[in-house]
Amino acid sequence: PIKAFFTDLTMRIGADSESIEYTFSFTEDCTEKRSSY
């Protein structure tokens, strides 16, 4: 598990209107020590 910010989101509705494509990106939050879970 990685502590992260949700930095990008794109959505596109399919032609059939019953599917929604999505793309995403997350960037690690480096403000705390990574070894603490």
Full PDB file with SEQRES, HELIX, SHEET, SSBOND, CRYST1, ORIGX, SCALE, CONECT and MASTER records, all heavy atoms in Angstrom:
SEQRES   1 A   37  PRO ILE LYS ALA PHE PHE THR ASP LEU THR MET ARG ILE          
SEQRES   2 A   37  GLY ALA ASP SER GLU SER ILE GLU TYR THR PHE SER PHE          
SEQRES   3 A   37  THR GLU ASP CYS THR GLU LYS ARG SER SER TYR                  
SHEET    1 AA1 2 ALA A   4  ILE A  13  0                                        
SHEET    2 AA1 2 ILE A  20  GLU A  28 -1                                        
CRYST1    1.000    1.000    1.000  90.00  90.00  90.00 P 1           1          
ORIGX1      1.000000  0.000000  0.000000        0.00000                         
ORIGX2      0.000000  1.000000  0.000000        0.00000                         
ORIGX3      0.000000  0.000000  1.000000        0.00000                         
SCALE1      1.000000  0.000000  0.000000        0.00000                         
SCALE2      0.000000  1.000000  0.000000        0.00000                         
SCALE3      0.000000  0.000000  1.000000        0.00000                         
ATOM      1  N   PRO A   1       0.833  -1.203   0.000  1.00  0.00           N  
ATOM      2  CA  PRO A   1       0.000   0.000   0.000  1.00  0.00           C  
ATOM      3  C   PRO A   1       0.870   1.256   0.000  1.00  0.00           C  
ATOM      4  O   PRO A   1       1.915   1.303   0.646  1.00  0.00           O  
ATOM      5  CB  PRO A   1      -0.791  -0.125   1.299  1.00  0.00           C  
ATOM      6  CG  PRO A   1      -0.814  -1.595   1.567  1.00  0.00           C  
ATOM      7  CD  PRO A   1       0.511  -2.103   1.095  1.00  0.00           C  
ATOM      8  N   ILE A   2       0.444   2.252  -0.735  1.00  0.00           N  
ATOM      9  CA  ILE A   2       1.198   3.495  -0.872  1.00  0.00           C  
ATOM     10  C   ILE A   2       0.274   4.649  -0.511  1.00  0.00           C  
ATOM     11  O   ILE A   2      -0.845   4.745  -1.030  1.00  0.00           O  
ATOM     12  CB  ILE A   2       1.705   3.668  -2.318  1.00  0.00           C  
ATOM     13  CG1 ILE A   2       2.711   2.588  -2.660  1.00  0.00           C  
ATOM     14  CG2 ILE A   2       2.302   5.052  -2.532  1.00  0.00           C  
ATOM     15  CD1 ILE A   2       3.147   2.590  -4.112  1.00  0.00           C  
ATOM     16  N   LYS A   3       0.737   5.525   0.375  1.00  0.00           N  
ATOM     17  CA  LYS A   3      -0.037   6.723   0.677  1.00  0.00           C  
ATOM     18  C   LYS A   3       0.138   7.666  -0.502  1.00  0.00           C  
ATOM     19  O   LYS A   3       1.260   8.008  -0.873  1.00  0.00           O  
ATOM     20  CB  LYS A   3       0.434   7.375   1.972  1.00  0.00           C  
ATOM     21  CG  LYS A   3      -0.513   8.450   2.444  1.00  0.00           C  
ATOM     22  CD  LYS A   3      -0.249   8.859   3.861  1.00  0.00           C  
ATOM     23  CE  LYS A   3      -1.333   9.813   4.315  1.00  0.00           C  
ATOM     24  NZ  LYS A   3      -1.076  10.293   5.654  1.00  0.00           N  
ATOM     25  N   ALA A   4      -0.979   8.057  -1.119  1.00  0.00           N  
ATOM     26  CA  ALA A   4      -0.891   8.800  -2.375  1.00  0.00           C  
ATOM     27  C   ALA A   4      -2.014   9.820  -2.522  1.00  0.00           C  
ATOM     28  O   ALA A   4      -3.068   9.707  -1.893  1.00  0.00           O  
ATOM     29  CB  ALA A   4      -0.938   7.821  -3.548  1.00  0.00           C  
ATOM     30  N   PHE A   5      -1.739  10.798  -3.388  1.00  0.00           N  
ATOM     31  CA  PHE A   5      -2.741  11.774  -3.807  1.00  0.00           C  
ATOM     32  C   PHE A   5      -3.353  11.280  -5.116  1.00  0.00           C  
ATOM     33  O   PHE A   5      -2.649  10.758  -5.973  1.00  0.00           O  
ATOM     34  CB  PHE A   5      -2.091  13.141  -4.062  1.00  0.00           C  
ATOM     35  CG  PHE A   5      -1.533  13.786  -2.834  1.00  0.00           C  
ATOM     36  CD1 PHE A   5      -0.175  13.720  -2.558  1.00  0.00           C  
ATOM     37  CD2 PHE A   5      -2.364  14.470  -1.959  1.00  0.00           C  
ATOM     38  CE1 PHE A   5       0.344  14.322  -1.428  1.00  0.00           C  
ATOM     39  CE2 PHE A   5      -1.851  15.077  -0.826  1.00  0.00           C  
ATOM     40  CZ  PHE A   5      -0.492  15.005  -0.557  1.00  0.00           C  
ATOM     41  N   PHE A   6      -4.648  11.452  -5.275  1.00  0.00           N  
ATOM     42  CA  PHE A   6      -5.361  11.131  -6.511  1.00  0.00           C  
ATOM     43  C   PHE A   6      -5.185  12.358  -7.394  1.00  0.00           C  
ATOM     44  O   PHE A   6      -5.818  13.386  -7.187  1.00  0.00           O  
ATOM     45  CB  PHE A   6      -6.826  10.894  -6.165  1.00  0.00           C  
ATOM     46  CG  PHE A   6      -7.657  10.226  -7.218  1.00  0.00           C  
ATOM     47  CD1 PHE A   6      -8.929   9.778  -6.890  1.00  0.00           C  
ATOM     48  CD2 PHE A   6      -7.218  10.041  -8.519  1.00  0.00           C  
ATOM     49  CE1 PHE A   6      -9.744   9.162  -7.822  1.00  0.00           C  
ATOM     50  CE2 PHE A   6      -8.025   9.428  -9.473  1.00  0.00           C  
ATOM     51  CZ  PHE A   6      -9.291   8.991  -9.115  1.00  0.00           C  
ATOM     52  N   THR A   7      -4.299  12.292  -8.399  1.00  0.00           N  
ATOM     53  CA  THR A   7      -3.890  13.496  -9.120  1.00  0.00           C  
ATOM     54  C   THR A   7      -4.569  13.723 -10.465  1.00  0.00           C  
ATOM     55  O   THR A   7      -4.605  14.857 -10.937  1.00  0.00           O  
ATOM     56  CB  THR A   7      -2.359  13.495  -9.322  1.00  0.00           C  
ATOM     57  OG1 THR A   7      -1.960  12.245  -9.871  1.00  0.00           O  
ATOM     58  CG2 THR A   7      -1.643  13.703  -8.010  1.00  0.00           C  
ATOM     59  N   ASP A   8      -5.065  12.687 -11.130  1.00  0.00           N  
ATOM     60  CA  ASP A   8      -5.735  12.857 -12.431  1.00  0.00           C  
ATOM     61  C   ASP A   8      -6.860  11.847 -12.578  1.00  0.00           C  
ATOM     62  O   ASP A   8      -6.723  10.696 -12.166  1.00  0.00           O  
ATOM     63  CB  ASP A   8      -4.757  12.646 -13.597  1.00  0.00           C  
ATOM     64  CG  ASP A   8      -3.739  13.756 -13.710  1.00  0.00           C  
ATOM     65  OD1 ASP A   8      -4.144  14.888 -14.009  1.00  0.00           O  
ATOM     66  OD2 ASP A   8      -2.545  13.476 -13.494  1.00  0.00           O  
ATOM     67  N   LEU A   9      -7.944  12.281 -13.209  1.00  0.00           N  
ATOM     68  CA  LEU A   9      -9.070  11.394 -13.504  1.00  0.00           C  
ATOM     69  C   LEU A   9      -9.706  11.853 -14.817  1.00  0.00           C  
ATOM     70  O   LEU A   9     -10.012  13.031 -14.990  1.00  0.00           O  
ATOM     71  CB  LEU A   9     -10.115  11.433 -12.387  1.00  0.00           C  
ATOM     72  CG  LEU A   9     -11.390  10.625 -12.620  1.00  0.00           C  
ATOM     73  CD1 LEU A   9     -11.084   9.135 -12.717  1.00  0.00           C  
ATOM     74  CD2 LEU A   9     -12.401  10.891 -11.512  1.00  0.00           C  
ATOM     75  N   THR A  10      -9.884  10.915 -15.736  1.00  0.00           N  
ATOM     76  CA  THR A  10     -10.567  11.179 -17.002  1.00  0.00           C  
ATOM     77  C   THR A  10     -11.623  10.103 -17.178  1.00  0.00           C  
ATOM     78  O   THR A  10     -11.359   8.924 -16.944  1.00  0.00           O  
ATOM     79  CB  THR A  10      -9.581  11.121 -18.186  1.00  0.00           C  
ATOM     80  OG1 THR A  10      -8.521  12.043 -17.952  1.00  0.00           O  
ATOM     81  CG2 THR A  10     -10.272  11.455 -19.493  1.00  0.00           C  
ATOM     82  N   MET A  11     -12.820  10.500 -17.602  1.00  0.00           N  
ATOM     83  CA  MET A  11     -13.896   9.532 -17.849  1.00  0.00           C  
ATOM     84  C   MET A  11     -14.496   9.770 -19.222  1.00  0.00           C  
ATOM     85  O   MET A  11     -14.601  10.908 -19.674  1.00  0.00           O  
ATOM     86  CB  MET A  11     -14.970   9.650 -16.784  1.00  0.00           C  
ATOM     87  CG  MET A  11     -14.483   9.250 -15.437  1.00  0.00           C  
ATOM     88  SD  MET A  11     -15.844   8.799 -14.405  1.00  0.00           S  
ATOM     89  CE  MET A  11     -14.998   8.540 -12.880  1.00  0.00           C  
ATOM     90  N   ARG A  12     -14.907   8.659 -19.849  1.00  0.00           N  
ATOM     91  CA  ARG A  12     -15.532   8.734 -21.170  1.00  0.00           C  
ATOM     92  C   ARG A  12     -16.681   7.728 -21.195  1.00  0.00           C  
ATOM     93  O   ARG A  12     -16.482   6.544 -20.913  1.00  0.00           O  
ATOM     94  CB  ARG A  12     -14.507   8.407 -22.250  1.00  0.00           C  
ATOM     95  CG  ARG A  12     -15.041   8.616 -23.640  1.00  0.00           C  
ATOM     96  CD  ARG A  12     -13.973   8.504 -24.683  1.00  0.00           C  
ATOM     97  NE  ARG A  12     -13.286   7.215 -24.547  1.00  0.00           N  
ATOM     98  CZ  ARG A  12     -12.143   6.920 -25.120  1.00  0.00           C  
ATOM     99  NH1 ARG A  12     -11.527   7.803 -25.862  1.00  0.00           N  
ATOM    100  NH2 ARG A  12     -11.596   5.753 -24.984  1.00  0.00           N  
ATOM    101  N   ILE A  13     -17.872   8.216 -21.534  1.00  0.00           N  
ATOM    102  CA  ILE A  13     -19.051   7.347 -21.598  1.00  0.00           C  
ATOM    103  C   ILE A  13     -19.043   6.619 -22.934  1.00  0.00           C  
ATOM    104  O   ILE A  13     -18.879   7.233 -23.991  1.00  0.00           O  
ATOM    105  CB  ILE A  13     -20.349   8.150 -21.428  1.00  0.00           C  
ATOM    106  CG1 ILE A  13     -20.356   8.812 -20.047  1.00  0.00           C  
ATOM    107  CG2 ILE A  13     -21.569   7.256 -21.608  1.00  0.00           C  
ATOM    108  CD1 ILE A  13     -21.508   9.754 -19.817  1.00  0.00           C  
ATOM    109  N   GLY A  14     -19.228   5.293 -22.865  1.00  0.00           N  
ATOM    110  CA  GLY A  14     -19.258   4.482 -24.080  1.00  0.00           C  
ATOM    111  C   GLY A  14     -20.506   4.744 -24.902  1.00  0.00           C  
ATOM    112  O   GLY A  14     -21.510   5.254 -24.396  1.00  0.00           O  
ATOM    113  N   ALA A  15     -20.462   4.387 -26.155  1.00  0.00           N  
ATOM    114  CA  ALA A  15     -21.592   4.592 -27.069  1.00  0.00           C  
ATOM    115  C   ALA A  15     -22.837   3.853 -26.594  1.00  0.00           C  
ATOM    116  O   ALA A  15     -23.965   4.292 -26.841  1.00  0.00           O  
ATOM    117  CB  ALA A  15     -21.211   4.133 -28.472  1.00  0.00           C  
ATOM    118  N   ASP A  16     -22.650   2.747 -25.900  1.00  0.00           N  
ATOM    119  CA  ASP A  16     -23.797   1.967 -25.424  1.00  0.00           C  
ATOM    120  C   ASP A  16     -24.415   2.557 -24.153  1.00  0.00           C  
ATOM    121  O   ASP A  16     -25.429   2.074 -23.668  1.00  0.00           O  
ATOM    122  CB  ASP A  16     -23.393   0.517 -25.179  1.00  0.00           C  
ATOM    123  CG  ASP A  16     -22.296   0.364 -24.126  1.00  0.00           C  
ATOM    124  OD1 ASP A  16     -21.902   1.377 -23.508  1.00  0.00           O  
ATOM    125  OD2 ASP A  16     -21.838  -0.768 -23.922  1.00  0.00           O  
ATOM    126  N   SER A  17     -23.800   3.599 -23.596  1.00  0.00           N  
ATOM    127  CA  SER A  17     -24.250   4.276 -22.371  1.00  0.00           C  
ATOM    128  C   SER A  17     -24.273   3.376 -21.142  1.00  0.00           C  
ATOM    129  O   SER A  17     -24.739   3.780 -20.096  1.00  0.00           O  
ATOM    130  CB  SER A  17     -25.643   4.897 -22.568  1.00  0.00           C  
ATOM    131  OG  SER A  17     -25.603   5.869 -23.580  1.00  0.00           O  
ATOM    132  N   GLU A  18     -23.817   2.151 -21.252  1.00  0.00           N  
ATOM    133  CA  GLU A  18     -23.763   1.264 -20.094  1.00  0.00           C  
ATOM    134  C   GLU A  18     -22.334   0.981 -19.667  1.00  0.00           C  
ATOM    135  O   GLU A  18     -22.102   0.180 -18.778  1.00  0.00           O  
ATOM    136  CB  GLU A  18     -24.500  -0.046 -20.384  1.00  0.00           C  
ATOM    137  CG  GLU A  18     -25.991   0.144 -20.451  1.00  0.00           C  
ATOM    138  CD  GLU A  18     -26.739  -1.167 -20.441  1.00  0.00           C  
ATOM    139  OE1 GLU A  18     -26.197  -2.166 -19.940  1.00  0.00           O  
ATOM    140  OE2 GLU A  18     -27.866  -1.176 -20.942  1.00  0.00           O  
ATOM    141  N   SER A  19     -21.373   1.642 -20.316  1.00  0.00           N  
ATOM    142  CA  SER A  19     -19.985   1.491 -19.903  1.00  0.00           C  
ATOM    143  C   SER A  19     -19.336   2.865 -19.819  1.00  0.00           C  
ATOM    144  O   SER A  19     -19.628   3.750 -20.613  1.00  0.00           O  
ATOM    145  CB  SER A  19     -19.215   0.594 -20.879  1.00  0.00           C  
ATOM    146  OG  SER A  19     -19.121   1.192 -22.142  1.00  0.00           O  
ATOM    147  N   ILE A  20     -18.507   3.012 -18.811  1.00  0.00           N  
ATOM    148  CA  ILE A  20     -17.782   4.268 -18.619  1.00  0.00           C  
ATOM    149  C   ILE A  20     -16.307   3.924 -18.478  1.00  0.00           C  
ATOM    150  O   ILE A  20     -15.914   3.228 -17.543  1.00  0.00           O  
ATOM    151  CB  ILE A  20     -18.287   5.035 -17.382  1.00  0.00           C  
ATOM    152  CG1 ILE A  20     -19.779   5.345 -17.536  1.00  0.00           C  
ATOM    153  CG2 ILE A  20     -17.469   6.305 -17.163  1.00  0.00           C  
ATOM    154  CD1 ILE A  20     -20.421   5.957 -16.315  1.00  0.00           C  
ATOM    155  N   GLU A  21     -15.519   4.395 -19.434  1.00  0.00           N  
ATOM    156  CA  GLU A  21     -14.071   4.174 -19.391  1.00  0.00           C  
ATOM    157  C   GLU A  21     -13.450   5.242 -18.498  1.00  0.00           C  
ATOM    158  O   GLU A  21     -13.907   6.392 -18.494  1.00  0.00           O  
ATOM    159  CB  GLU A  21     -13.474   4.281 -20.791  1.00  0.00           C  
ATOM    160  CG  GLU A  21     -13.989   3.238 -21.755  1.00  0.00           C  
ATOM    161  CD  GLU A  21     -13.462   3.454 -23.169  1.00  0.00           C  
ATOM    162  OE1 GLU A  21     -12.394   4.083 -23.328  1.00  0.00           O  
ATOM    163  OE2 GLU A  21     -14.134   3.004 -24.104  1.00  0.00           O  
ATOM    164  N   TYR A  22     -12.425   4.856 -17.753  1.00  0.00           N  
ATOM    165  CA  TYR A  22     -11.749   5.830 -16.899  1.00  0.00           C  
ATOM    166  C   TYR A  22     -10.243   5.614 -16.948  1.00  0.00           C  
ATOM    167  O   TYR A  22      -9.763   4.516 -17.190  1.00  0.00           O  
ATOM    168  CB  TYR A  22     -12.249   5.742 -15.448  1.00  0.00           C  
ATOM    169  CG  TYR A  22     -11.989   4.407 -14.790  1.00  0.00           C  
ATOM    170  CD1 TYR A  22     -10.802   4.175 -14.080  1.00  0.00           C  
ATOM    171  CD2 TYR A  22     -12.910   3.375 -14.872  1.00  0.00           C  
ATOM    172  CE1 TYR A  22     -10.558   2.942 -13.482  1.00  0.00           C  
ATOM    173  CE2 TYR A  22     -12.674   2.152 -14.277  1.00  0.00           C  
ATOM    174  CZ  TYR A  22     -11.503   1.939 -13.582  1.00  0.00           C  
ATOM    175  OH  TYR A  22     -11.256   0.728 -12.995  1.00  0.00           O  
ATOM    176  N   THR A  23      -9.508   6.695 -16.775  1.00  0.00           N  
ATOM    177  CA  THR A  23      -8.062   6.636 -16.587  1.00  0.00           C  
ATOM    178  C   THR A  23      -7.766   7.431 -15.322  1.00  0.00           C  
ATOM    179  O   THR A  23      -8.504   8.355 -14.965  1.00  0.00           O  
ATOM    180  CB  THR A  23      -7.271   7.242 -17.772  1.00  0.00           C  
ATOM    181  OG1 THR A  23      -7.637   8.597 -17.929  1.00  0.00           O  
ATOM    182  CG2 THR A  23      -7.538   6.479 -19.060  1.00  0.00           C  
ATOM    183  N   PHE A  24      -6.704   7.062 -14.642  1.00  0.00           N  
ATOM    184  CA  PHE A  24      -6.378   7.696 -13.375  1.00  0.00           C  
ATOM    185  C   PHE A  24      -4.873   7.785 -13.192  1.00  0.00           C  
ATOM    186  O   PHE A  24      -4.110   7.088 -13.856  1.00  0.00           O  
ATOM    187  CB  PHE A  24      -6.983   6.915 -12.199  1.00  0.00           C  
ATOM    188  CG  PHE A  24      -6.471   5.497 -12.111  1.00  0.00           C  
ATOM    189  CD1 PHE A  24      -5.271   5.200 -11.473  1.00  0.00           C  
ATOM    190  CD2 PHE A  24      -7.185   4.451 -12.680  1.00  0.00           C  
ATOM    191  CE1 PHE A  24      -4.803   3.898 -11.406  1.00  0.00           C  
ATOM    192  CE2 PHE A  24      -6.726   3.145 -12.608  1.00  0.00           C  
ATOM    193  CZ  PHE A  24      -5.528   2.870 -11.963  1.00  0.00           C  
ATOM    194  N   SER A  25      -4.479   8.658 -12.271  1.00  0.00           N  
ATOM    195  CA  SER A  25      -3.095   8.648 -11.808  1.00  0.00           C  
ATOM    196  C   SER A  25      -3.058   9.063 -10.348  1.00  0.00           C  
ATOM    197  O   SER A  25      -3.892   9.863  -9.888  1.00  0.00           O  
ATOM    198  CB  SER A  25      -2.196   9.527 -12.671  1.00  0.00           C  
ATOM    199  OG  SER A  25      -2.460  10.871 -12.481  1.00  0.00           O  
ATOM    200  N   PHE A  26      -2.118   8.451  -9.633  1.00  0.00           N  
ATOM    201  CA  PHE A  26      -1.869   8.739  -8.235  1.00  0.00           C  
ATOM    202  C   PHE A  26      -0.392   9.086  -8.098  1.00  0.00           C  
ATOM    203  O   PHE A  26       0.448   8.533  -8.809  1.00  0.00           O  
ATOM    204  CB  PHE A  26      -2.164   7.511  -7.354  1.00  0.00           C  
ATOM    205  CG  PHE A  26      -3.622   7.160  -7.264  1.00  0.00           C  
ATOM    206  CD1 PHE A  26      -4.206   6.319  -8.193  1.00  0.00           C  
ATOM    207  CD2 PHE A  26      -4.404   7.657  -6.235  1.00  0.00           C  
ATOM    208  CE1 PHE A  26      -5.548   5.980  -8.114  1.00  0.00           C  
ATOM    209  CE2 PHE A  26      -5.752   7.324  -6.153  1.00  0.00           C  
ATOM    210  CZ  PHE A  26      -6.329   6.486  -7.084  1.00  0.00           C  
ATOM    211  N   THR A  27      -0.068   9.979  -7.177  1.00  0.00           N  
ATOM    212  CA  THR A  27       1.315  10.338  -6.896  1.00  0.00           C  
ATOM    213  C   THR A  27       1.545  10.165  -5.399  1.00  0.00           C  
ATOM    214  O   THR A  27       0.756  10.662  -4.581  1.00  0.00           O  
ATOM    215  CB  THR A  27       1.603  11.798  -7.304  1.00  0.00           C  
ATOM    216  OG1 THR A  27       1.302  11.939  -8.697  1.00  0.00           O  
ATOM    217  CG2 THR A  27       3.056  12.160  -7.057  1.00  0.00           C  
ATOM    218  N   GLU A  28       2.621   9.463  -5.063  1.00  0.00           N  
ATOM    219  CA  GLU A  28       2.937   9.149  -3.671  1.00  0.00           C  
ATOM    220  C   GLU A  28       3.036  10.412  -2.824  1.00  0.00           C  
ATOM    221  O   GLU A  28       3.617  11.407  -3.225  1.00  0.00           O  
ATOM    222  CB  GLU A  28       4.255   8.382  -3.606  1.00  0.00           C  
ATOM    223  CG  GLU A  28       4.670   7.994  -2.205  1.00  0.00           C  
ATOM    224  CD  GLU A  28       5.994   7.259  -2.162  1.00  0.00           C  
ATOM    225  OE1 GLU A  28       6.776   7.328  -3.126  1.00  0.00           O  
ATOM    226  OE2 GLU A  28       6.244   6.612  -1.137  1.00  0.00           O  
ATOM    227  N   ASP A  29       2.471  10.349  -1.631  1.00  0.00           N  
ATOM    228  CA  ASP A  29       2.588  11.403  -0.620  1.00  0.00           C  
ATOM    229  C   ASP A  29       3.846  11.091   0.186  1.00  0.00           C  
ATOM    230  O   ASP A  29       3.872  10.121   0.934  1.00  0.00           O  
ATOM    231  CB  ASP A  29       1.347  11.391   0.279  1.00  0.00           C  
ATOM    232  CG  ASP A  29       1.404  12.413   1.397  1.00  0.00           C  
ATOM    233  OD1 ASP A  29       2.458  13.045   1.601  1.00  0.00           O  
ATOM    234  OD2 ASP A  29       0.389  12.562   2.104  1.00  0.00           O  
ATOM    235  N   CYS A  30       4.871  11.884   0.016  1.00  0.00           N  
ATOM    236  CA  CYS A  30       6.166  11.617   0.662  1.00  0.00           C  
ATOM    237  C   CYS A  30       6.354  12.401   1.956  1.00  0.00           C  
ATOM    238  O   CYS A  30       7.484  12.597   2.403  1.00  0.00           O  
ATOM    239  CB  CYS A  30       7.296  11.940  -0.312  1.00  0.00           C  
ATOM    240  SG  CYS A  30       7.303  10.897  -1.764  1.00  0.00           S  
ATOM    241  N   THR A  31       5.277  12.835   2.583  1.00  0.00           N  
ATOM    242  CA  THR A  31       5.405  13.641   3.793  1.00  0.00           C  
ATOM    243  C   THR A  31       5.623  12.815   5.046  1.00  0.00           C  
ATOM    244  O   THR A  31       5.958  13.356   6.085  1.00  0.00           O  
ATOM    245  CB  THR A  31       4.164  14.528   4.001  1.00  0.00           C  
ATOM    246  OG1 THR A  31       3.001  13.704   4.079  1.00  0.00           O  
ATOM    247  CG2 THR A  31       4.030  15.537   2.875  1.00  0.00           C  
ATOM    248  N   GLU A  32       5.423  11.492   4.971  1.00  0.00           N  
ATOM    249  CA  GLU A  32       5.676  10.661   6.146  1.00  0.00           C  
ATOM    250  C   GLU A  32       6.526   9.465   5.760  1.00  0.00           C  
ATOM    251  O   GLU A  32       6.614   9.096   4.595  1.00  0.00           O  
ATOM    252  CB  GLU A  32       4.373  10.204   6.803  1.00  0.00           C  
ATOM    253  CG  GLU A  32       3.563   9.215   5.999  1.00  0.00           C  
ATOM    254  CD  GLU A  32       2.284   8.802   6.719  1.00  0.00           C  
ATOM    255  OE1 GLU A  32       1.626   9.669   7.308  1.00  0.00           O  
ATOM    256  OE2 GLU A  32       1.960   7.624   6.671  1.00  0.00           O  
ATOM    257  N   LYS A  33       7.132   8.870   6.755  1.00  0.00           N  
ATOM    258  CA  LYS A  33       8.019   7.746   6.533  1.00  0.00           C  
ATOM    259  C   LYS A  33       7.244   6.588   5.916  1.00  0.00           C  
ATOM    260  O   LYS A  33       6.196   6.191   6.410  1.00  0.00           O  
ATOM    261  CB  LYS A  33       8.641   7.316   7.864  1.00  0.00           C  
ATOM    262  CG  LYS A  33       9.806   6.416   7.714  1.00  0.00           C  
ATOM    263  CD  LYS A  33      10.494   6.265   9.037  1.00  0.00           C  
ATOM    264  CE  LYS A  33      11.782   5.518   8.825  1.00  0.00           C  
ATOM    265  NZ  LYS A  33      12.521   5.403  10.053  1.00  0.00           N  
ATOM    266  N   ARG A  34       7.750   6.042   4.844  1.00  0.00           N  
ATOM    267  CA  ARG A  34       7.047   5.012   4.089  1.00  0.00           C  
ATOM    268  C   ARG A  34       6.958   3.683   4.813  1.00  0.00           C  
ATOM    269  O   ARG A  34       6.127   2.844   4.527  1.00  0.00           O  
ATOM    270  CB  ARG A  34       7.738   4.815   2.747  1.00  0.00           C  
ATOM    271  CG  ARG A  34       6.933   3.979   1.815  1.00  0.00           C  
ATOM    272  CD  ARG A  34       7.404   4.163   0.430  1.00  0.00           C  
ATOM    273  NE  ARG A  34       6.659   3.242  -0.395  1.00  0.00           N  
ATOM    274  CZ  ARG A  34       7.080   2.770  -1.512  1.00  0.00           C  
ATOM    275  NH1 ARG A  34       8.245   3.129  -1.971  1.00  0.00           N  
ATOM    276  NH2 ARG A  34       6.350   1.951  -2.208  1.00  0.00           N  
ATOM    277  N   SER A  35       7.832   3.436   5.767  1.00  0.00           N  
ATOM    278  CA  SER A  35       7.831   2.141   6.435  1.00  0.00           C  
ATOM    279  C   SER A  35       6.736   2.025   7.492  1.00  0.00           C  
ATOM    280  O   SER A  35       6.525   0.958   8.030  1.00  0.00           O  
ATOM    281  CB  SER A  35       9.187   1.874   7.074  1.00  0.00           C  
ATOM    282  OG  SER A  35       9.444   2.835   8.067  1.00  0.00           O  
ATOM    283  N   SER A  36       6.039   3.111   7.822  1.00  0.00           N  
ATOM    284  CA  SER A  36       4.988   3.013   8.824  1.00  0.00           C  
ATOM    285  C   SER A  36       3.666   2.672   8.148  1.00  0.00           C  
ATOM    286  O   SER A  36       3.156   3.446   7.345  1.00  0.00           O  
ATOM    287  CB  SER A  36       4.872   4.328   9.598  1.00  0.00           C  
ATOM    288  OG  SER A  36       4.583   5.389   8.739  1.00  0.00           O  
ATOM    289  N   TYR A  37       3.152   1.495   8.446  1.00  0.00           N  
ATOM    290  CA  TYR A  37       1.915   1.014   7.846  1.00  0.00           C  
ATOM    291  C   TYR A  37       0.880   0.797   8.949  1.00  0.00           C  
ATOM    292  O   TYR A  37       0.924  -0.202   9.659  1.00  0.00           O  
ATOM    293  CB  TYR A  37       2.150  -0.311   7.107  1.00  0.00           C  
ATOM    294  CG  TYR A  37       3.109  -0.186   5.950  1.00  0.00           C  
ATOM    295  CD1 TYR A  37       4.342  -0.812   5.982  1.00  0.00           C  
ATOM    296  CD2 TYR A  37       2.787   0.560   4.830  1.00  0.00           C  
ATOM    297  CE1 TYR A  37       5.219  -0.690   4.917  1.00  0.00           C  
ATOM    298  CE2 TYR A  37       3.663   0.690   3.766  1.00  0.00           C  
ATOM    299  CZ  TYR A  37       4.873   0.058   3.821  1.00  0.00           C  
ATOM    300  OH  TYR A  37       5.737   0.178   2.779  1.00  0.00           O  
TER     301      TYR A  37                                                      
MASTER        0    0    0    0    2    0    0    6  300    1    0    3          
END                                                                             
